[in-house]
Amino acid sequence: MKTRRQAWLEKRNSRPLTRSQGPVDAPPPLRRKEPKEPPRKRARRVKNEEPGLMRDLWAALRWMRGNQGRFRGRVAEPSVLSMDEEERQQALKTALESDFPEDKEPFLFVFQLRDDMHAFLDACAGQQGLRICCMFTETVC
């Protein structure tokens, strides 16, 4: 199969070039198929969007408050929720930059019973895929 350019060259070379025939036709423009780039996804980033740690914490907190009846013991909410904005930002910065578990303490859900903690983790981390911090302190009364 001939390309358009090859067909044009054959046509041009097969006839004599004289003034009486008029100007020689210009070759047809070559069209190159440029690869299509996949459409870019727009980042859905809002200027004051919370980092993933806080977003997951709020989602887990909503689930915990909505399912309070599932827990047999007490559950303490993370202390970062009672901080003012400046303290919260500092705690968040420290937690994100550090590998030490102590720096994530303000983001901890503290459960009185191990079974409650496991139920919470199954629902939030297992089913919803949230990244959360929690611990239990089983006390014997």
N, C-alpha and C. Protein backbone atom coordinates (compact mmCIF):
# COMPACT_ATOMS: atom_id res chain seq x y z
N MET A 1 0.85 -1.17 0.00
CA MET A 1 0.00 0.00 0.00
C MET A 1 0.91 1.24 0.00
N LYS A 2 0.59 2.16 -0.89
CA LYS A 2 1.39 3.36 -1.03
C LYS A 2 0.90 4.43 -0.05
N THR A 3 1.84 5.19 0.41
CA THR A 3 1.45 6.32 1.24
C THR A 3 1.06 7.47 0.33
N ARG A 4 0.48 8.47 0.88
CA ARG A 4 0.07 9.64 0.09
C ARG A 4 1.28 10.31 -0.56
N ARG A 5 2.36 10.35 0.17
CA ARG A 5 3.56 11.00 -0.35
C ARG A 5 4.14 10.20 -1.52
N GLN A 6 4.16 8.87 -1.39
CA GLN A 6 4.67 8.05 -2.48
C GLN A 6 3.81 8.20 -3.74
N ALA A 7 2.50 8.24 -3.59
CA ALA A 7 1.60 8.42 -4.72
C ALA A 7 1.83 9.76 -5.38
N TRP A 8 2.01 10.79 -4.62
CA TRP A 8 2.25 12.12 -5.15
C TRP A 8 3.57 12.17 -5.92
N LEU A 9 4.63 11.55 -5.33
CA LEU A 9 5.93 11.54 -6.01
C LEU A 9 5.84 10.79 -7.34
N GLU A 10 5.12 9.70 -7.40
CA GLU A 10 4.95 8.95 -8.64
C GLU A 10 4.23 9.80 -9.68
N LYS A 11 3.19 10.47 -9.26
CA LYS A 11 2.43 11.32 -10.16
C LYS A 11 3.30 12.45 -10.70
N ARG A 12 4.08 13.05 -9.82
CA ARG A 12 4.94 14.16 -10.21
C ARG A 12 6.03 13.71 -11.17
N ASN A 13 6.62 12.56 -10.93
CA ASN A 13 7.72 12.08 -11.75
C ASN A 13 7.25 11.49 -13.08
N SER A 14 5.99 11.15 -13.24
CA SER A 14 5.50 10.50 -14.46
C SER A 14 5.18 11.49 -15.57
N ARG A 15 5.04 12.72 -15.32
CA ARG A 15 4.69 13.68 -16.36
C ARG A 15 5.82 14.68 -16.57
N PRO A 16 5.94 15.18 -17.75
CA PRO A 16 6.98 16.16 -18.02
C PRO A 16 6.61 17.52 -17.42
N LEU A 17 7.60 18.22 -16.96
CA LEU A 17 7.36 19.53 -16.39
C LEU A 17 7.60 20.60 -17.45
N THR A 18 6.55 21.25 -17.89
CA THR A 18 6.66 22.35 -18.86
C THR A 18 5.81 23.50 -18.39
N ARG A 19 6.06 24.67 -18.96
CA ARG A 19 5.28 25.84 -18.58
C ARG A 19 3.83 25.71 -19.04
N SER A 20 3.63 25.02 -20.11
CA SER A 20 2.27 24.92 -20.65
C SER A 20 1.35 24.11 -19.72
N GLN A 21 1.94 23.25 -18.96
CA GLN A 21 1.11 22.45 -18.06
C GLN A 21 0.74 23.21 -16.79
N GLY A 22 1.34 24.32 -16.57
CA GLY A 22 1.04 25.09 -15.38
C GLY A 22 1.95 24.70 -14.22
N PRO A 23 1.73 25.31 -13.10
CA PRO A 23 2.61 25.03 -11.95
C PRO A 23 2.44 23.59 -11.46
N VAL A 24 3.50 23.10 -10.92
CA VAL A 24 3.49 21.75 -10.36
C VAL A 24 2.73 21.80 -9.05
N ASP A 25 1.89 20.81 -8.87
CA ASP A 25 1.11 20.75 -7.63
C ASP A 25 2.03 20.58 -6.43
N ALA A 26 1.68 21.26 -5.40
CA ALA A 26 2.42 21.10 -4.15
C ALA A 26 2.00 19.78 -3.52
N PRO A 27 2.91 19.14 -2.83
CA PRO A 27 2.53 17.88 -2.20
C PRO A 27 1.46 18.11 -1.13
N PRO A 28 0.61 17.14 -0.98
CA PRO A 28 -0.41 17.31 0.07
C PRO A 28 0.28 17.36 1.44
N PRO A 29 -0.29 18.15 2.33
CA PRO A 29 0.34 18.25 3.65
C PRO A 29 0.30 16.91 4.38
N LEU A 30 1.40 16.64 5.00
CA LEU A 30 1.47 15.40 5.77
C LEU A 30 0.84 15.62 7.13
N ARG A 31 0.03 14.69 7.49
CA ARG A 31 -0.60 14.77 8.81
C ARG A 31 0.01 13.72 9.70
N ARG A 32 0.55 14.18 10.71
CA ARG A 32 1.11 13.25 11.69
C ARG A 32 0.11 13.06 12.81
N LYS A 33 -0.10 11.84 13.11
CA LYS A 33 -0.99 11.56 14.24
C LYS A 33 -0.16 11.64 15.50
N GLU A 34 -0.46 12.64 16.25
CA GLU A 34 0.25 12.81 17.51
C GLU A 34 -0.45 11.99 18.57
N PRO A 35 0.35 11.34 19.39
CA PRO A 35 -0.29 10.53 20.44
C PRO A 35 -1.11 11.42 21.37
N LYS A 36 -2.28 10.94 21.66
CA LYS A 36 -3.15 11.69 22.56
C LYS A 36 -2.71 11.47 23.99
N GLU A 37 -2.58 12.56 24.69
CA GLU A 37 -2.25 12.46 26.11
C GLU A 37 -3.52 12.17 26.87
N PRO A 38 -3.41 11.34 27.87
CA PRO A 38 -4.61 11.10 28.68
C PRO A 38 -5.02 12.40 29.36
N PRO A 39 -6.29 12.62 29.52
CA PRO A 39 -6.72 13.87 30.16
C PRO A 39 -6.18 13.94 31.58
N ARG A 40 -5.70 15.09 31.90
CA ARG A 40 -5.13 15.28 33.24
C ARG A 40 -6.25 15.42 34.26
N LYS A 41 -6.02 14.76 35.36
CA LYS A 41 -6.99 14.85 36.44
C LYS A 41 -6.69 16.10 37.24
N ARG A 42 -7.71 16.84 37.49
CA ARG A 42 -7.53 18.04 38.29
C ARG A 42 -7.42 17.65 39.75
N ALA A 43 -6.48 18.26 40.39
CA ALA A 43 -6.32 18.00 41.82
C ALA A 43 -7.48 18.67 42.54
N ARG A 44 -8.14 17.90 43.35
CA ARG A 44 -9.26 18.44 44.12
C ARG A 44 -8.75 18.97 45.45
N ARG A 45 -7.81 19.82 45.38
CA ARG A 45 -7.20 20.32 46.59
C ARG A 45 -7.75 21.70 46.91
N VAL A 46 -8.35 21.80 48.02
CA VAL A 46 -8.86 23.07 48.49
C VAL A 46 -7.73 23.73 49.26
N LYS A 47 -7.72 25.04 49.28
CA LYS A 47 -6.61 25.76 49.89
C LYS A 47 -6.38 25.34 51.35
N ASN A 48 -7.43 25.20 52.11
CA ASN A 48 -7.29 24.87 53.53
C ASN A 48 -7.67 23.42 53.81
N GLU A 49 -7.43 22.54 52.87
CA GLU A 49 -7.80 21.13 53.05
C GLU A 49 -6.95 20.50 54.14
N GLU A 50 -7.61 19.70 54.96
CA GLU A 50 -6.90 19.04 56.05
C GLU A 50 -6.06 17.89 55.53
N PRO A 51 -4.92 17.64 56.15
CA PRO A 51 -4.12 16.48 55.75
C PRO A 51 -4.87 15.18 56.01
N GLY A 52 -4.39 14.09 55.42
CA GLY A 52 -5.06 12.80 55.53
C GLY A 52 -5.24 12.32 56.95
N LEU A 53 -4.29 12.62 57.81
CA LEU A 53 -4.37 12.18 59.21
C LEU A 53 -5.60 12.78 59.89
N MET A 54 -5.82 14.07 59.69
CA MET A 54 -6.98 14.72 60.32
C MET A 54 -8.28 14.30 59.64
N ARG A 55 -8.26 14.14 58.33
CA ARG A 55 -9.46 13.73 57.61
C ARG A 55 -9.91 12.35 58.08
N ASP A 56 -8.95 11.42 58.22
CA ASP A 56 -9.27 10.08 58.70
C ASP A 56 -9.73 10.12 60.15
N LEU A 57 -9.12 10.98 60.94
CA LEU A 57 -9.49 11.10 62.35
C LEU A 57 -10.94 11.56 62.48
N TRP A 58 -11.34 12.56 61.68
CA TRP A 58 -12.72 13.05 61.75
C TRP A 58 -13.71 11.98 61.29
N ALA A 59 -13.35 11.23 60.26
CA ALA A 59 -14.24 10.17 59.78
C ALA A 59 -14.40 9.08 60.84
N ALA A 60 -13.30 8.70 61.49
CA ALA A 60 -13.36 7.69 62.54
C ALA A 60 -14.16 8.20 63.74
N LEU A 61 -14.01 9.47 64.05
CA LEU A 61 -14.75 10.06 65.17
C LEU A 61 -16.26 10.05 64.89
N ARG A 62 -16.64 10.38 63.66
CA ARG A 62 -18.07 10.33 63.30
C ARG A 62 -18.61 8.91 63.44
N TRP A 63 -17.82 7.92 62.99
CA TRP A 63 -18.27 6.54 63.10
C TRP A 63 -18.39 6.14 64.58
N MET A 64 -17.39 6.52 65.37
CA MET A 64 -17.41 6.15 66.79
C MET A 64 -18.61 6.75 67.51
N ARG A 65 -18.90 8.02 67.25
CA ARG A 65 -20.03 8.67 67.91
C ARG A 65 -21.36 8.08 67.45
N GLY A 66 -21.42 7.68 66.20
CA GLY A 66 -22.65 7.09 65.68
C GLY A 66 -22.88 5.65 66.13
N ASN A 67 -21.83 4.99 66.59
CA ASN A 67 -21.93 3.58 67.00
C ASN A 67 -21.50 3.40 68.45
N GLN A 68 -21.77 4.37 69.27
CA GLN A 68 -21.38 4.35 70.68
C GLN A 68 -21.97 3.14 71.41
N GLY A 69 -23.13 2.67 70.99
CA GLY A 69 -23.78 1.55 71.64
C GLY A 69 -23.06 0.21 71.45
N ARG A 70 -22.16 0.13 70.50
CA ARG A 70 -21.41 -1.10 70.26
C ARG A 70 -20.32 -1.35 71.29
N PHE A 71 -19.91 -0.31 72.00
CA PHE A 71 -18.79 -0.43 72.92
C PHE A 71 -19.29 -0.73 74.33
N ARG A 72 -18.60 -1.65 74.99
CA ARG A 72 -18.96 -2.01 76.37
C ARG A 72 -18.25 -1.11 77.37
N GLY A 73 -17.06 -0.65 77.02
CA GLY A 73 -16.30 0.21 77.92
C GLY A 73 -16.30 1.65 77.42
N ARG A 74 -15.52 2.46 78.12
CA ARG A 74 -15.42 3.88 77.74
C ARG A 74 -14.41 4.05 76.61
N VAL A 75 -14.60 5.11 75.84
CA VAL A 75 -13.69 5.45 74.76
C VAL A 75 -13.34 6.92 74.90
N ALA A 76 -12.04 7.22 74.97
CA ALA A 76 -11.59 8.61 75.05
C ALA A 76 -11.25 9.10 73.65
N GLU A 77 -11.79 10.26 73.30
CA GLU A 77 -11.53 10.85 72.00
C GLU A 77 -10.12 11.45 71.97
N PRO A 78 -9.54 11.60 70.81
CA PRO A 78 -8.20 12.17 70.71
C PRO A 78 -8.13 13.58 71.29
N SER A 79 -7.03 13.86 71.96
CA SER A 79 -6.88 15.17 72.62
C SER A 79 -6.68 16.31 71.62
N VAL A 80 -6.30 15.99 70.41
CA VAL A 80 -6.08 17.04 69.42
C VAL A 80 -7.38 17.79 69.11
N LEU A 81 -8.52 17.16 69.36
CA LEU A 81 -9.80 17.79 69.08
C LEU A 81 -10.10 18.95 70.03
N SER A 82 -9.50 18.94 71.20
CA SER A 82 -9.74 20.01 72.16
C SER A 82 -8.67 21.11 72.08
N MET A 83 -7.71 20.97 71.19
CA MET A 83 -6.65 21.98 71.04
C MET A 83 -7.14 23.14 70.18
N ASP A 84 -6.51 24.30 70.39
CA ASP A 84 -6.81 25.41 69.48
C ASP A 84 -6.04 25.19 68.17
N GLU A 85 -6.32 26.01 67.19
CA GLU A 85 -5.80 25.80 65.83
C GLU A 85 -4.26 25.79 65.78
N GLU A 86 -3.63 26.68 66.51
CA GLU A 86 -2.17 26.76 66.49
C GLU A 86 -1.53 25.50 67.09
N GLU A 87 -2.06 25.06 68.24
CA GLU A 87 -1.56 23.84 68.87
C GLU A 87 -1.81 22.62 67.97
N ARG A 88 -2.97 22.60 67.33
CA ARG A 88 -3.32 21.49 66.44
C ARG A 88 -2.35 21.41 65.27
N GLN A 89 -2.03 22.55 64.67
CA GLN A 89 -1.10 22.57 63.54
C GLN A 89 0.30 22.10 63.98
N GLN A 90 0.72 22.52 65.16
CA GLN A 90 2.03 22.11 65.67
C GLN A 90 2.05 20.60 65.95
N ALA A 91 0.99 20.08 66.55
CA ALA A 91 0.91 18.63 66.82
C ALA A 91 0.89 17.84 65.52
N LEU A 92 0.18 18.34 64.53
CA LEU A 92 0.10 17.68 63.24
C LEU A 92 1.47 17.67 62.55
N LYS A 93 2.14 18.78 62.59
CA LYS A 93 3.47 18.87 61.98
C LYS A 93 4.44 17.91 62.66
N THR A 94 4.40 17.86 63.97
CA THR A 94 5.28 16.95 64.73
C THR A 94 4.97 15.50 64.40
N ALA A 95 3.69 15.16 64.34
CA ALA A 95 3.30 13.77 64.07
C ALA A 95 3.69 13.33 62.67
N LEU A 96 3.55 14.22 61.70
CA LEU A 96 3.87 13.85 60.32
C LEU A 96 5.37 13.75 60.06
N GLU A 97 6.16 14.52 60.79
CA GLU A 97 7.60 14.52 60.56
C GLU A 97 8.34 13.48 61.39
N SER A 98 7.69 12.93 62.39
CA SER A 98 8.37 12.04 63.32
C SER A 98 7.97 10.58 63.12
N ASP A 99 8.89 9.70 63.48
CA ASP A 99 8.60 8.26 63.44
C ASP A 99 8.33 7.69 64.83
N PHE A 100 8.40 8.52 65.83
CA PHE A 100 8.20 8.06 67.21
C PHE A 100 6.72 7.98 67.53
N PRO A 101 6.27 6.87 68.13
CA PRO A 101 4.85 6.72 68.46
C PRO A 101 4.36 7.77 69.47
N GLU A 102 5.24 8.27 70.30
CA GLU A 102 4.83 9.25 71.31
C GLU A 102 4.32 10.54 70.66
N ASP A 103 4.82 10.84 69.48
CA ASP A 103 4.42 12.08 68.81
C ASP A 103 3.03 11.98 68.19
N LYS A 104 2.48 10.79 68.11
CA LYS A 104 1.12 10.61 67.60
C LYS A 104 0.10 10.49 68.73
N GLU A 105 0.55 10.69 69.95
CA GLU A 105 -0.33 10.55 71.11
C GLU A 105 -1.55 11.48 71.07
N PRO A 106 -1.43 12.73 70.62
CA PRO A 106 -2.64 13.57 70.57
C PRO A 106 -3.72 13.06 69.62
N PHE A 107 -3.38 12.12 68.76
CA PHE A 107 -4.32 11.60 67.77
C PHE A 107 -4.87 10.22 68.16
N LEU A 108 -4.61 9.78 69.38
CA LEU A 108 -5.00 8.45 69.84
C LEU A 108 -6.46 8.38 70.31
N PHE A 109 -7.15 7.35 69.87
CA PHE A 109 -8.40 6.95 70.48
C PHE A 109 -8.01 5.95 71.56
N VAL A 110 -8.44 6.18 72.80
CA VAL A 110 -8.05 5.30 73.91
C VAL A 110 -9.29 4.53 74.36
N PHE A 111 -9.19 3.21 74.28
CA PHE A 111 -10.31 2.33 74.62
C PHE A 111 -10.06 1.67 75.97
N GLN A 112 -11.11 1.45 76.68
CA GLN A 112 -11.01 0.79 77.97
C GLN A 112 -10.85 -0.72 77.78
N LEU A 113 -11.45 -1.28 76.72
CA LEU A 113 -11.41 -2.72 76.50
C LEU A 113 -10.81 -3.06 75.13
N ARG A 114 -10.07 -4.15 75.11
CA ARG A 114 -9.41 -4.59 73.88
C ARG A 114 -10.43 -4.94 72.80
N ASP A 115 -11.52 -5.60 73.16
CA ASP A 115 -12.54 -5.99 72.19
C ASP A 115 -13.17 -4.78 71.50
N ASP A 116 -13.38 -3.72 72.28
CA ASP A 116 -13.91 -2.48 71.70
C ASP A 116 -12.94 -1.90 70.67
N MET A 117 -11.66 -1.93 71.00
CA MET A 117 -10.64 -1.40 70.09
C MET A 117 -10.61 -2.22 68.80
N HIS A 118 -10.70 -3.53 68.92
CA HIS A 118 -10.68 -4.39 67.73
C HIS A 118 -11.92 -4.16 66.85
N ALA A 119 -13.07 -3.99 67.48
CA ALA A 119 -14.29 -3.70 66.72
C ALA A 119 -14.15 -2.36 65.98
N PHE A 120 -13.59 -1.38 66.65
CA PHE A 120 -13.37 -0.06 66.05
C PHE A 120 -12.39 -0.15 64.88
N LEU A 121 -11.30 -0.89 65.07
CA LEU A 121 -10.30 -1.03 64.00
C LEU A 121 -10.87 -1.80 62.80
N ASP A 122 -11.66 -2.84 63.07
CA ASP A 122 -12.28 -3.58 61.97
C ASP A 122 -13.18 -2.68 61.13
N ALA A 123 -13.97 -1.87 61.81
CA ALA A 123 -14.92 -1.01 61.10
C ALA A 123 -14.21 0.15 60.39
N CYS A 124 -13.29 0.81 61.07
CA CYS A 124 -12.68 2.01 60.50
C CYS A 124 -11.49 1.70 59.59
N ALA A 125 -10.53 0.95 60.11
CA ALA A 125 -9.33 0.66 59.31
C ALA A 125 -9.61 -0.44 58.29
N GLY A 126 -10.31 -1.49 58.72
CA GLY A 126 -10.55 -2.63 57.84
C GLY A 126 -11.55 -2.35 56.74
N GLN A 127 -12.71 -1.85 57.08
CA GLN A 127 -13.78 -1.66 56.10
C GLN A 127 -13.70 -0.32 55.37
N GLN A 128 -13.31 0.74 56.08
CA GLN A 128 -13.29 2.07 55.47
C GLN A 128 -11.90 2.47 54.98
N GLY A 129 -10.87 1.76 55.39
CA GLY A 129 -9.51 2.07 54.96
C GLY A 129 -8.92 3.31 55.59
N LEU A 130 -9.40 3.68 56.77
CA LEU A 130 -8.89 4.88 57.44
C LEU A 130 -7.59 4.56 58.17
N ARG A 131 -6.72 5.54 58.22
CA ARG A 131 -5.47 5.39 58.98
C ARG A 131 -5.65 6.12 60.30
N ILE A 132 -5.73 5.34 61.37
CA ILE A 132 -6.01 5.91 62.67
C ILE A 132 -5.07 5.31 63.70
N CYS A 133 -4.94 6.01 64.83
CA CYS A 133 -4.11 5.55 65.93
C CYS A 133 -5.03 5.25 67.12
N CYS A 134 -4.81 4.10 67.76
CA CYS A 134 -5.60 3.79 68.93
C CYS A 134 -4.83 2.85 69.85
N MET A 135 -5.29 2.79 71.08
CA MET A 135 -4.70 1.89 72.08
C MET A 135 -5.78 1.54 73.08
N PHE A 136 -5.48 0.53 73.89
CA PHE A 136 -6.44 0.17 74.94
C PHE A 136 -5.70 0.11 76.26
N THR A 137 -6.44 0.38 77.32
CA THR A 137 -5.90 0.27 78.68
C THR A 137 -6.89 -0.54 79.49
N GLU A 138 -6.75 -1.85 79.44
CA GLU A 138 -7.66 -2.72 80.16
C GLU A 138 -7.35 -2.63 81.64
N THR A 139 -8.31 -2.21 82.40
CA THR A 139 -8.13 -2.09 83.84
C THR A 139 -9.04 -3.09 84.54
N VAL A 140 -8.51 -3.68 85.59
CA VAL A 140 -9.28 -4.63 86.38
C VAL A 140 -9.88 -3.88 87.55
N CYS A 141 -11.21 -3.94 87.66
CA CYS A 141 -11.88 -3.23 88.74
C CYS A 141 -12.17 -4.11 89.90
